[in-house]
């Protein structure tokens, strides 16, 4: 965006105030999906809150292409994601002691 266009955009942009409270997470998500936090920077305030972040990352496993296609087909037939199908089956095997 050119400088002139950017200035015009900034001048005419309507900043919607951040609600004092959100009723639920969906309402909060919809607000922040619609509006840019950068536009509300002057209204934001620092907080002291401990945030726990999971350090568990998804793992990748190589699967033969022919097996992968079969798994995708089964997942689609069951109406679940490939990841869910694989996790369910692996969990069953582990719990049964293979």
Protein backbone atom coordinates (compact mmCIF):
# COMPACT_ATOMS: atom_id res chain seq x y z
CA UNK A 1 0.00 0.00 0.00
CA UNK A 2 1.42 3.39 -0.98
CA UNK A 3 2.06 6.01 1.73
CA UNK A 4 -0.82 8.18 0.57
CA UNK A 5 -3.23 5.24 0.52
CA UNK A 6 -1.98 4.12 3.93
CA UNK A 7 -2.56 7.58 5.45
CA UNK A 8 -6.07 7.71 3.97
CA UNK A 9 -6.78 4.22 5.31
CA UNK A 10 -5.51 5.14 8.78
CA UNK A 11 -7.54 8.37 8.78
CA UNK A 12 -10.82 6.64 7.81
CA UNK A 13 -10.35 3.44 9.79
CA UNK A 14 -12.93 2.98 12.52
CA UNK A 15 -11.48 1.49 15.69
CA UNK A 16 -14.07 -0.54 17.58
CA UNK A 17 -13.45 -0.44 21.34
CA UNK A 18 -12.46 -3.67 23.06
CA UNK A 19 -15.41 -4.95 25.10
CA UNK A 20 -14.90 -4.71 28.86
CA UNK A 21 -15.79 -8.40 29.22
CA UNK A 22 -16.43 -11.21 26.77
CA UNK A 23 -19.30 -13.56 27.59
CA UNK A 24 -17.41 -16.63 26.41
CA UNK A 25 -14.36 -17.73 24.43
CA UNK A 26 -16.36 -17.79 21.19
CA UNK A 27 -17.29 -14.13 21.57
CA UNK A 28 -13.66 -13.25 22.27
CA UNK A 29 -12.44 -15.28 19.30
CA UNK A 30 -14.94 -13.66 16.95
CA UNK A 31 -13.87 -10.18 18.08
CA UNK A 32 -10.15 -10.83 17.59
CA UNK A 33 -10.76 -12.68 14.31
CA UNK A 34 -12.51 -9.53 13.08
CA UNK A 35 -10.30 -6.78 14.52
CA UNK A 36 -6.54 -6.29 14.60
CA UNK A 37 -4.87 -6.19 18.03
CA UNK A 38 -2.32 -3.76 16.60
CA UNK A 39 -5.10 -1.22 16.12
CA UNK A 40 -5.94 -1.49 19.82
CA UNK A 41 -2.41 -1.29 21.21
CA UNK A 42 -3.07 1.89 23.16
CA UNK A 43 -5.97 0.17 24.96
CA UNK A 44 -4.03 -2.94 25.94
CA UNK A 45 -2.46 -3.21 29.36
CA UNK A 46 0.18 -5.57 30.71
CA UNK A 47 -0.96 -8.35 33.01
CA UNK A 48 0.83 -10.55 35.48
CA UNK A 49 -0.32 -14.04 34.61
CA UNK A 50 1.54 -17.31 34.49
CA UNK A 51 0.92 -19.05 31.21
CA UNK A 52 1.71 -22.71 30.95
CA UNK A 53 2.81 -23.80 27.51
CA UNK A 54 2.90 -27.43 26.61
CA UNK A 55 6.28 -28.46 25.34
CA UNK A 56 4.90 -31.59 23.77
CA UNK A 57 5.18 -31.37 20.03
CA UNK A 58 3.50 -33.60 17.47
CA UNK A 59 5.73 -36.34 16.15
CA UNK A 60 6.10 -37.30 12.50
CA UNK A 61 6.11 -40.93 11.47
CA UNK A 62 6.93 -42.05 7.95
CA UNK A 63 4.27 -44.31 6.43
CA UNK A 64 4.42 -46.17 3.12
CA UNK A 65 2.41 -44.24 0.52
CA UNK A 66 0.17 -47.24 -0.23
CA UNK A 67 -0.64 -47.68 3.48
CA UNK A 68 -1.24 -43.96 3.87
CA UNK A 69 -3.82 -43.99 1.07
CA UNK A 70 -5.65 -46.90 2.72
CA UNK A 71 -5.64 -45.10 6.07
CA UNK A 72 -6.99 -41.92 4.48
CA UNK A 73 -9.79 -43.89 2.84
CA UNK A 74 -10.76 -45.56 6.13
CA UNK A 75 -10.67 -42.23 8.01
CA UNK A 76 -12.90 -40.65 5.37
CA UNK A 77 -15.37 -43.57 5.57
CA UNK A 78 -15.52 -43.17 9.36
CA UNK A 79 -15.90 -39.39 9.08
CA UNK A 80 -12.84 -38.66 11.20
CA UNK A 81 -9.47 -37.12 10.51
CA UNK A 82 -6.49 -39.24 9.58
CA UNK A 83 -4.73 -38.09 12.76
CA UNK A 84 -7.67 -39.14 14.92
CA UNK A 85 -7.89 -42.55 13.27
CA UNK A 86 -4.19 -43.24 13.75
CA UNK A 87 -4.23 -42.04 17.36
CA UNK A 88 -7.27 -44.20 18.17
CA UNK A 89 -5.70 -47.30 16.63
CA UNK A 90 -2.31 -46.76 18.24
CA UNK A 91 -3.98 -46.19 21.61
CA UNK A 92 -5.97 -49.43 21.23
CA UNK A 93 -2.81 -51.37 20.43
CA UNK A 94 -0.83 -49.90 23.32
CA UNK A 95 -3.64 -50.52 25.82
CA UNK A 96 -4.11 -54.10 24.62
CA UNK A 97 -0.42 -54.79 25.15
CA UNK A 98 -0.01 -55.74 21.46
